[in-house]
Amino acid sequence: QVQLVESGGGMVQAGGSLRLSCAASGRTFSTYGVGWIRQPPGKEREFVAHISSTGRVSYYSGSVKGRFTISRDNAKNTVYLQMNSLKLEDTAVYYCNAGGTYSGSYQHGDYWGQGTQVTVSS
């Protein structure tokens, strides 16, 4: 069983940066790939980024590639999402998802955090 807690969300002006954290409990966390998924207001959830269990492989959606960086520290049971050059359209609730895989598209895993709100203002 893995429990996930996101943090680091908030309000930021367009062009600014935020770093989200996903802290996990459970000794098996380092064996899971982890994804960040977001849900913009009034829209469905969408894939943002995924990182492999070792941290060696990562994937990004086209809308964030080059601006966001996913990383992990398995010693701390934590996955990060560094978000730079934020745009208004990045406004969403961001969720951490463990156990997912990426093979051309993202397949959700079984474990979700509660989400953290990111609001980008003009």
N, C-alpha and C. Protein backbone atom coordinates (compact mmCIF):
# COMPACT_ATOMS: atom_id res chain seq x y z
N GLN A 1 0.84 -1.18 0.00
CA GLN A 1 0.00 0.00 0.00
C GLN A 1 0.88 1.25 0.00
N VAL A 2 0.52 2.22 -0.81
CA VAL A 2 1.27 3.48 -0.91
C VAL A 2 0.31 4.62 -0.69
N GLN A 3 0.69 5.54 0.17
CA GLN A 3 -0.08 6.77 0.37
C GLN A 3 0.74 7.95 -0.13
N LEU A 4 0.07 8.86 -0.83
CA LEU A 4 0.76 9.97 -1.49
C LEU A 4 0.20 11.30 -0.98
N VAL A 5 1.09 12.25 -0.73
CA VAL A 5 0.68 13.58 -0.29
C VAL A 5 1.41 14.62 -1.14
N GLU A 6 0.64 15.40 -1.90
CA GLU A 6 1.23 16.47 -2.71
C GLU A 6 1.33 17.76 -1.90
N SER A 7 2.30 18.57 -2.26
CA SER A 7 2.45 19.90 -1.66
C SER A 7 3.17 20.79 -2.65
N GLY A 8 3.17 22.09 -2.35
CA GLY A 8 3.91 23.03 -3.18
C GLY A 8 3.07 23.85 -4.12
N GLY A 9 1.77 23.56 -4.18
CA GLY A 9 0.91 24.35 -5.04
C GLY A 9 0.71 25.75 -4.50
N GLY A 10 0.08 26.59 -5.30
CA GLY A 10 -0.20 27.95 -4.88
C GLY A 10 -0.53 28.81 -6.06
N MET A 11 -0.48 30.12 -5.83
CA MET A 11 -0.76 31.08 -6.88
C MET A 11 0.54 31.74 -7.32
N VAL A 12 0.72 31.86 -8.62
CA VAL A 12 1.93 32.44 -9.17
C VAL A 12 1.58 33.21 -10.42
N GLN A 13 2.34 34.23 -10.72
CA GLN A 13 2.11 35.00 -11.95
C GLN A 13 2.65 34.24 -13.16
N ALA A 14 2.06 34.52 -14.29
CA ALA A 14 2.54 33.91 -15.53
C ALA A 14 4.03 34.22 -15.71
N GLY A 15 4.75 33.19 -16.12
CA GLY A 15 6.20 33.31 -16.27
C GLY A 15 6.97 32.87 -15.05
N GLY A 16 6.27 32.67 -13.95
CA GLY A 16 6.91 32.28 -12.71
C GLY A 16 7.13 30.78 -12.62
N SER A 17 7.58 30.35 -11.43
CA SER A 17 7.93 28.94 -11.21
C SER A 17 7.33 28.44 -9.91
N LEU A 18 7.09 27.14 -9.88
CA LEU A 18 6.69 26.44 -8.67
C LEU A 18 7.33 25.06 -8.71
N ARG A 19 7.54 24.50 -7.52
CA ARG A 19 7.99 23.12 -7.44
C ARG A 19 7.01 22.33 -6.59
N LEU A 20 6.41 21.33 -7.20
CA LEU A 20 5.51 20.44 -6.49
C LEU A 20 6.28 19.25 -5.95
N SER A 21 5.82 18.77 -4.80
CA SER A 21 6.40 17.57 -4.20
C SER A 21 5.31 16.53 -3.99
N CYS A 22 5.68 15.29 -4.13
CA CYS A 22 4.79 14.16 -3.85
C CYS A 22 5.53 13.25 -2.88
N ALA A 23 5.13 13.28 -1.64
CA ALA A 23 5.77 12.47 -0.61
C ALA A 23 4.98 11.19 -0.41
N ALA A 24 5.68 10.08 -0.39
CA ALA A 24 5.02 8.78 -0.31
C ALA A 24 5.39 8.03 0.95
N SER A 25 4.45 7.27 1.43
CA SER A 25 4.72 6.32 2.51
C SER A 25 4.75 4.93 1.90
N GLY A 26 5.44 4.03 2.54
CA GLY A 26 5.50 2.67 2.01
C GLY A 26 6.88 2.33 1.47
N ARG A 27 7.39 1.20 1.90
CA ARG A 27 8.76 0.83 1.53
C ARG A 27 8.89 0.44 0.07
N THR A 28 7.77 0.20 -0.64
CA THR A 28 7.85 -0.23 -2.02
C THR A 28 7.78 0.93 -3.01
N PHE A 29 7.74 2.17 -2.53
CA PHE A 29 7.56 3.31 -3.43
C PHE A 29 8.63 3.35 -4.50
N SER A 30 9.84 2.98 -4.16
CA SER A 30 10.94 3.06 -5.13
C SER A 30 10.78 2.06 -6.27
N THR A 31 9.83 1.16 -6.17
CA THR A 31 9.60 0.19 -7.25
C THR A 31 8.53 0.67 -8.23
N TYR A 32 7.91 1.81 -7.95
CA TYR A 32 6.82 2.30 -8.79
C TYR A 32 7.24 3.45 -9.69
N GLY A 33 6.77 3.40 -10.94
CA GLY A 33 6.80 4.61 -11.75
C GLY A 33 5.78 5.59 -11.19
N VAL A 34 6.03 6.87 -11.38
CA VAL A 34 5.14 7.89 -10.81
C VAL A 34 4.81 8.92 -11.88
N GLY A 35 3.57 9.29 -11.94
CA GLY A 35 3.13 10.30 -12.88
C GLY A 35 2.53 11.50 -12.19
N TRP A 36 2.58 12.62 -12.86
CA TRP A 36 1.82 13.81 -12.46
C TRP A 36 0.69 13.98 -13.48
N ILE A 37 -0.48 14.14 -12.96
CA ILE A 37 -1.69 14.32 -13.75
C ILE A 37 -2.34 15.61 -13.28
N ARG A 38 -2.93 16.37 -14.18
CA ARG A 38 -3.60 17.59 -13.76
C ARG A 38 -5.01 17.65 -14.31
N GLN A 39 -5.84 18.40 -13.59
CA GLN A 39 -7.22 18.60 -14.02
C GLN A 39 -7.52 20.08 -14.04
N PRO A 40 -7.53 20.69 -15.22
CA PRO A 40 -7.90 22.11 -15.33
C PRO A 40 -9.36 22.31 -14.97
N PRO A 41 -9.75 23.50 -14.57
CA PRO A 41 -11.15 23.74 -14.20
C PRO A 41 -12.09 23.44 -15.35
N GLY A 42 -13.09 22.62 -15.08
CA GLY A 42 -14.10 22.28 -16.06
C GLY A 42 -13.67 21.29 -17.13
N LYS A 43 -12.47 20.71 -16.95
CA LYS A 43 -11.96 19.79 -17.96
C LYS A 43 -11.60 18.44 -17.32
N GLU A 44 -11.30 17.47 -18.18
CA GLU A 44 -10.92 16.16 -17.69
C GLU A 44 -9.45 16.15 -17.27
N ARG A 45 -9.09 15.14 -16.51
CA ARG A 45 -7.70 14.98 -16.12
C ARG A 45 -6.83 14.72 -17.34
N GLU A 46 -5.60 15.24 -17.30
CA GLU A 46 -4.69 15.05 -18.42
C GLU A 46 -3.29 14.74 -17.91
N PHE A 47 -2.58 13.95 -18.69
CA PHE A 47 -1.22 13.56 -18.36
C PHE A 47 -0.28 14.76 -18.45
N VAL A 48 0.64 14.83 -17.47
CA VAL A 48 1.65 15.88 -17.48
C VAL A 48 3.05 15.30 -17.67
N ALA A 49 3.42 14.36 -16.79
CA ALA A 49 4.78 13.80 -16.84
C ALA A 49 4.80 12.48 -16.11
N HIS A 50 5.78 11.65 -16.46
CA HIS A 50 5.97 10.36 -15.81
C HIS A 50 7.46 10.10 -15.64
N ILE A 51 7.81 9.46 -14.53
CA ILE A 51 9.19 9.09 -14.29
C ILE A 51 9.24 7.62 -13.88
N SER A 52 10.25 6.93 -14.38
CA SER A 52 10.39 5.51 -14.07
C SER A 52 10.79 5.31 -12.62
N SER A 53 10.74 4.07 -12.17
CA SER A 53 11.04 3.77 -10.77
C SER A 53 12.47 4.16 -10.40
N THR A 54 13.39 4.03 -11.35
CA THR A 54 14.79 4.36 -11.07
C THR A 54 15.08 5.84 -11.27
N GLY A 55 14.18 6.53 -11.97
CA GLY A 55 14.40 7.93 -12.28
C GLY A 55 15.17 8.16 -13.56
N ARG A 56 15.53 7.08 -14.25
CA ARG A 56 16.38 7.22 -15.44
C ARG A 56 15.59 7.63 -16.67
N VAL A 57 14.29 7.34 -16.69
CA VAL A 57 13.47 7.61 -17.88
C VAL A 57 12.29 8.48 -17.50
N SER A 58 12.03 9.49 -18.31
CA SER A 58 10.89 10.36 -18.05
C SER A 58 10.21 10.73 -19.37
N TYR A 59 8.95 11.04 -19.26
CA TYR A 59 8.15 11.44 -20.41
C TYR A 59 7.33 12.67 -20.03
N TYR A 60 7.01 13.48 -21.03
CA TYR A 60 6.25 14.70 -20.80
C TYR A 60 5.18 14.87 -21.86
N SER A 61 4.12 15.55 -21.49
CA SER A 61 3.14 15.94 -22.50
C SER A 61 3.75 17.06 -23.33
N GLY A 62 3.27 17.20 -24.54
CA GLY A 62 3.80 18.22 -25.42
C GLY A 62 3.61 19.62 -24.88
N SER A 63 2.55 19.82 -24.09
CA SER A 63 2.24 21.17 -23.61
C SER A 63 3.19 21.64 -22.51
N VAL A 64 3.92 20.72 -21.87
CA VAL A 64 4.81 21.12 -20.78
C VAL A 64 6.27 20.82 -21.07
N LYS A 65 6.54 20.06 -22.11
CA LYS A 65 7.92 19.67 -22.42
C LYS A 65 8.78 20.91 -22.63
N GLY A 66 9.93 20.90 -21.98
CA GLY A 66 10.83 22.03 -22.05
C GLY A 66 10.61 23.06 -20.96
N ARG A 67 9.47 22.98 -20.27
CA ARG A 67 9.17 23.92 -19.18
C ARG A 67 9.12 23.22 -17.83
N PHE A 68 8.66 21.97 -17.81
CA PHE A 68 8.52 21.19 -16.57
C PHE A 68 9.59 20.11 -16.53
N THR A 69 10.03 19.79 -15.31
CA THR A 69 11.00 18.71 -15.11
C THR A 69 10.53 17.83 -13.96
N ILE A 70 10.41 16.54 -14.22
CA ILE A 70 10.05 15.58 -13.17
C ILE A 70 11.32 14.91 -12.68
N SER A 71 11.40 14.71 -11.38
CA SER A 71 12.56 14.04 -10.79
C SER A 71 12.11 13.30 -9.55
N ARG A 72 12.99 12.47 -9.01
CA ARG A 72 12.64 11.75 -7.79
C ARG A 72 13.87 11.50 -6.95
N ASP A 73 13.61 11.37 -5.66
CA ASP A 73 14.64 11.02 -4.69
C ASP A 73 14.10 9.82 -3.91
N ASN A 74 14.51 8.64 -4.30
CA ASN A 74 13.95 7.44 -3.66
C ASN A 74 14.38 7.30 -2.21
N ALA A 75 15.50 7.90 -1.86
CA ALA A 75 15.92 7.86 -0.45
C ALA A 75 14.95 8.65 0.43
N LYS A 76 14.30 9.63 -0.18
CA LYS A 76 13.33 10.47 0.55
C LYS A 76 11.90 10.10 0.21
N ASN A 77 11.72 9.07 -0.64
CA ASN A 77 10.36 8.67 -1.05
C ASN A 77 9.57 9.85 -1.61
N THR A 78 10.21 10.64 -2.44
CA THR A 78 9.58 11.86 -2.93
C THR A 78 9.83 12.03 -4.43
N VAL A 79 8.78 12.46 -5.11
CA VAL A 79 8.86 12.83 -6.52
C VAL A 79 8.56 14.31 -6.63
N TYR A 80 9.26 14.99 -7.52
CA TYR A 80 9.12 16.43 -7.68
C TYR A 80 8.65 16.77 -9.10
N LEU A 81 8.01 17.92 -9.21
CA LEU A 81 7.70 18.48 -10.51
C LEU A 81 8.09 19.95 -10.48
N GLN A 82 9.20 20.26 -11.13
CA GLN A 82 9.64 21.65 -11.25
C GLN A 82 8.94 22.28 -12.45
N MET A 83 8.22 23.34 -12.19
CA MET A 83 7.43 23.98 -13.25
C MET A 83 7.94 25.39 -13.46
N ASN A 84 8.48 25.64 -14.63
CA ASN A 84 9.01 26.96 -14.99
C ASN A 84 8.19 27.57 -16.12
N SER A 85 8.35 28.85 -16.31
CA SER A 85 7.66 29.56 -17.41
C SER A 85 6.17 29.23 -17.41
N LEU A 86 5.57 29.32 -16.25
CA LEU A 86 4.16 28.92 -16.12
C LEU A 86 3.25 29.81 -16.96
N LYS A 87 2.23 29.19 -17.50
CA LYS A 87 1.25 29.87 -18.34
C LYS A 87 -0.13 29.79 -17.69
N LEU A 88 -1.03 30.66 -18.13
CA LEU A 88 -2.38 30.67 -17.59
C LEU A 88 -3.02 29.29 -17.72
N GLU A 89 -2.74 28.62 -18.83
CA GLU A 89 -3.36 27.32 -19.09
C GLU A 89 -2.78 26.19 -18.24
N ASP A 90 -1.77 26.47 -17.44
CA ASP A 90 -1.26 25.48 -16.50
C ASP A 90 -2.09 25.43 -15.22
N THR A 91 -3.02 26.35 -15.07
CA THR A 91 -3.90 26.36 -13.90
C THR A 91 -4.69 25.05 -13.82
N ALA A 92 -4.57 24.36 -12.70
CA ALA A 92 -5.21 23.06 -12.56
C ALA A 92 -4.95 22.54 -11.15
N VAL A 93 -5.67 21.47 -10.81
CA VAL A 93 -5.31 20.67 -9.65
C VAL A 93 -4.33 19.60 -10.14
N TYR A 94 -3.20 19.51 -9.47
CA TYR A 94 -2.17 18.57 -9.88
C TYR A 94 -2.16 17.37 -8.92
N TYR A 95 -2.21 16.19 -9.51
CA TYR A 95 -2.25 14.95 -8.75
C TYR A 95 -1.00 14.12 -9.01
N CYS A 96 -0.56 13.47 -7.97
CA CYS A 96 0.51 12.50 -8.06
C CYS A 96 -0.13 11.11 -8.16
N ASN A 97 0.43 10.26 -9.04
CA ASN A 97 -0.14 8.94 -9.28
C ASN A 97 0.98 7.91 -9.33
N ALA A 98 0.94 6.94 -8.46
CA ALA A 98 1.99 5.92 -8.40
C ALA A 98 1.50 4.61 -8.98
N GLY A 99 2.42 3.90 -9.62
CA GLY A 99 2.08 2.61 -10.20
C GLY A 99 1.74 2.69 -11.67
N GLY A 100 1.74 3.90 -12.23
CA GLY A 100 1.41 4.05 -13.63
C GLY A 100 2.57 3.72 -14.54
N THR A 101 2.25 3.51 -15.80
CA THR A 101 3.28 3.22 -16.79
C THR A 101 3.07 4.09 -18.02
N TYR A 102 4.13 4.27 -18.78
CA TYR A 102 4.04 5.05 -20.02
C TYR A 102 4.60 4.22 -21.16
N SER A 103 3.74 4.02 -22.17
CA SER A 103 4.17 3.32 -23.39
C SER A 103 3.40 3.92 -24.55
N GLY A 104 3.80 5.12 -24.93
CA GLY A 104 3.07 5.84 -25.96
C GLY A 104 1.95 6.68 -25.39
N SER A 105 1.35 6.19 -24.34
CA SER A 105 0.35 6.95 -23.60
C SER A 105 0.46 6.52 -22.14
N TYR A 106 -0.20 7.28 -21.27
CA TYR A 106 -0.05 7.01 -19.83
C TYR A 106 -1.18 6.12 -19.35
N GLN A 107 -0.81 5.06 -18.66
CA GLN A 107 -1.77 4.18 -18.01
C GLN A 107 -1.71 4.44 -16.50
N HIS A 108 -2.83 4.86 -15.93
CA HIS A 108 -2.84 5.23 -14.53
C HIS A 108 -2.54 4.06 -13.62
N GLY A 109 -1.85 4.37 -12.51
CA GLY A 109 -1.64 3.40 -11.45
C GLY A 109 -2.76 3.46 -10.44
N ASP A 110 -2.64 2.67 -9.41
CA ASP A 110 -3.72 2.52 -8.45
C ASP A 110 -3.71 3.57 -7.33
N TYR A 111 -2.58 4.26 -7.16
CA TYR A 111 -2.43 5.12 -6.00
C TYR A 111 -2.42 6.60 -6.40
N TRP A 112 -3.29 7.36 -5.70
CA TRP A 112 -3.44 8.78 -5.99
C TRP A 112 -3.27 9.61 -4.73
N GLY A 113 -2.72 10.81 -4.91
CA GLY A 113 -2.74 11.78 -3.83
C GLY A 113 -4.03 12.58 -3.87
N GLN A 114 -4.14 13.52 -2.95
CA GLN A 114 -5.37 14.31 -2.84
C GLN A 114 -5.38 15.51 -3.79
N GLY A 115 -4.22 15.83 -4.35
CA GLY A 115 -4.13 16.93 -5.29
C GLY A 115 -3.69 18.23 -4.63
N THR A 116 -3.06 19.08 -5.42
CA THR A 116 -2.66 20.40 -4.96
C THR A 116 -2.98 21.41 -6.05
N GLN A 117 -3.56 22.53 -5.65
CA GLN A 117 -4.03 23.53 -6.61
C GLN A 117 -2.88 24.42 -7.07
N VAL A 118 -2.77 24.59 -8.37
CA VAL A 118 -1.84 25.55 -8.97
C VAL A 118 -2.67 26.56 -9.75
N THR A 119 -2.51 27.82 -9.43
CA THR A 119 -3.22 28.88 -10.12
C THR A 119 -2.22 29.86 -10.68
N VAL A 120 -2.28 30.05 -11.99
CA VAL A 120 -1.38 30.99 -12.67
C VAL A 120 -2.20 32.21 -13.07
N SER A 121 -1.76 33.38 -12.66
CA SER A 121 -2.49 34.62 -12.92
C SER A 121 -1.71 35.51 -13.88
N SER A 122 -2.45 36.39 -14.52
CA SER A 122 -1.80 37.31 -15.48
C SER A 122 -1.29 38.56 -14.79
